Each structure stands twice: as C-alpha cells, then as structure tokens.
Amino acid sequence: MNEAGFDWDLKKDELNKKKHKISFYEAQYAFADPDRVILEDVRHSENEKRYFCVGKTRDGIVTVRFTYRNNVIRIIGAGYWRKGRRHYEEENKIHKRTDGI
C-alpha cells in the first residue's frame, strides 16, 4: 500500500493497537477493498469533516475513522466494530445463513 497518501499520529496508533488490536498501517488496507463503504461521521465533524471507511483487510472487516487534509487521508481511529460490519454487509448485500449450513 502506498504510505504517501496516508498519515497518522504515532502515539494514537500505539493506543489504537492496544485497545482495538489493529495498527493504522494495517487499517489503511481497508481503502483498497473495491467493496469498501465510505460514510460521513456526522457526530465528530464539528471542526472538519470526518468519515468512516469500512472495508476488508486480511484479518476481517475494519472500520477506519479518518479525515482528508491536503490530499492526504489522516487516520484517526480503527477497529473491528459490529456497526461498521453491518453497514458493509448491507451495502454489499451479504447475508448470514440461518439454515445451519
């Protein structure tokens, strides 16, 4: 993945790895998923617009909170959150099997 298009705070990355078990380096791969979903984060967009990217990485479906500054995606947080997964599955028409197979 091209690191030139991404930026993040190193201390925040360390905290995120401990809390959510994913580094921002790994999280940037969600943007490469052709089925990714981009949503606006309206609750945290007071000073600047923030967004969520929900996409697959090698370890699962990850939600990445980010902003876009000077043509650079700045990652603010990332995790394997159920709500993001639900949006991803709805947008991509993925349904869980209920017949036990």
Protein backbone atom coordinates (compact mmCIF):
# COMPACT_ATOMS: atom_id res chain seq x y z
CA MET A 1 0.00 0.00 0.00
CA ASN A 2 1.27 3.46 -0.81
CA GLU A 3 2.08 5.12 2.51
CA ALA A 4 2.47 8.56 0.88
CA GLY A 5 -1.31 9.01 0.74
CA PHE A 6 -1.84 8.28 4.43
CA ASP A 7 -0.85 9.94 7.69
CA TRP A 8 -1.49 9.34 11.38
CA ASP A 9 -0.32 10.25 14.85
CA LEU A 10 2.19 7.65 16.09
CA LYS A 11 1.05 7.85 19.73
CA LYS A 12 -2.57 7.43 18.70
CA ASP A 13 -1.55 4.44 16.57
CA GLU A 14 0.07 2.76 19.60
CA LEU A 15 -3.02 3.37 21.73
CA ASN A 16 -5.25 2.05 18.96
CA LYS A 17 -3.16 -1.15 18.63
CA LYS A 18 -3.53 -1.83 22.36
CA LYS A 19 -7.23 -1.02 22.54
CA HIS A 20 -8.56 -2.34 19.21
CA LYS A 21 -5.84 -4.81 18.12
CA ILE A 22 -5.19 -3.15 14.75
CA SER A 23 -2.47 -0.76 13.63
CA PHE A 24 -3.18 2.21 11.40
CA TYR A 25 -0.73 0.72 8.91
CA GLU A 26 -2.94 -2.36 8.61
CA ALA A 27 -6.13 -0.25 8.68
CA GLN A 28 -5.14 1.65 5.53
CA TYR A 29 -5.73 -1.54 3.53
CA ALA A 30 -9.49 -1.11 4.07
CA PHE A 31 -9.29 1.69 1.48
CA ALA A 32 -8.01 -0.79 -1.13
CA ASP A 33 -11.10 -3.00 -0.81
CA PRO A 34 -13.16 -2.49 -4.00
CA ASP A 35 -16.32 -3.10 -1.93
CA ARG A 36 -15.41 -0.58 0.79
CA VAL A 37 -18.12 1.71 2.12
CA ILE A 38 -17.46 5.39 2.92
CA LEU A 39 -19.79 7.08 5.43
CA GLU A 40 -19.76 10.58 6.89
CA ASP A 41 -19.11 10.77 10.64
CA VAL A 42 -21.65 13.49 11.44
CA ARG A 43 -21.17 13.24 15.22
CA HIS A 44 -17.48 14.17 15.04
CA SER A 45 -17.46 16.66 12.16
CA GLU A 46 -17.74 19.97 14.03
CA ASN A 47 -14.33 21.44 13.10
CA GLU A 48 -13.61 19.41 9.97
CA LYS A 49 -15.44 16.70 8.05
CA ARG A 50 -14.71 13.20 9.27
CA TYR A 51 -15.59 9.91 7.65
CA PHE A 52 -15.63 6.16 8.13
CA CYS A 53 -14.16 3.72 5.65
CA VAL A 54 -15.45 0.19 6.18
CA GLY A 55 -13.54 -2.43 4.24
CA LYS A 56 -11.86 -5.81 4.34
CA THR A 57 -8.30 -6.32 5.46
CA ARG A 58 -6.53 -9.64 5.86
CA ASP A 59 -7.96 -10.02 9.39
CA GLY A 60 -11.57 -9.05 8.75
CA ILE A 61 -13.88 -6.12 8.15
CA VAL A 62 -12.46 -2.98 9.75
CA THR A 63 -13.95 0.46 10.33
CA VAL A 64 -11.47 3.32 9.90
CA ARG A 65 -12.29 6.83 11.13
CA PHE A 66 -10.45 9.42 9.05
CA THR A 67 -10.34 12.95 7.71
CA TYR A 68 -8.99 14.27 4.44
CA ARG A 69 -6.37 17.04 4.74
CA ASN A 70 -4.30 18.49 1.91
CA ASN A 71 -4.84 15.43 -0.33
CA VAL A 72 -3.79 13.08 2.48
CA ILE A 73 -6.01 10.61 4.32
CA ARG A 74 -5.33 11.12 8.05
CA ILE A 75 -6.39 8.07 10.06
CA ILE A 76 -7.89 8.94 13.44
CA GLY A 77 -9.00 5.52 14.68
CA ALA A 78 -9.73 1.96 13.58
CA GLY A 79 -11.33 -1.17 14.92
CA TYR A 80 -13.38 -4.26 14.20
CA TRP A 81 -16.75 -2.76 15.13
CA ARG A 82 -20.07 -4.57 14.61
CA LYS A 83 -21.88 -1.45 13.38
CA GLY A 84 -19.32 -0.96 10.60
CA ARG A 85 -19.55 -4.61 9.65
CA ARG A 86 -23.34 -4.33 9.46
CA HIS A 87 -23.08 -1.33 7.08
CA TYR A 88 -20.57 -3.23 4.95
CA GLU A 89 -22.79 -6.31 4.74
CA GLU A 90 -25.91 -4.24 3.95
CA GLU A 91 -24.18 -2.23 1.22
CA ASN A 92 -22.68 -5.36 -0.33
CA LYS A 93 -25.81 -7.49 0.14
CA ILE A 94 -24.06 -10.05 2.33
CA HIS A 95 -26.45 -12.15 4.35
CA LYS A 96 -25.74 -14.67 7.07
CA ARG A 97 -27.04 -18.18 6.51
CA THR A 98 -29.65 -19.27 9.00
CA ASP A 99 -30.18 -22.84 7.85
CA GLY A 100 -27.20 -24.21 9.81
CA ILE A 101 -25.10 -24.98 6.72
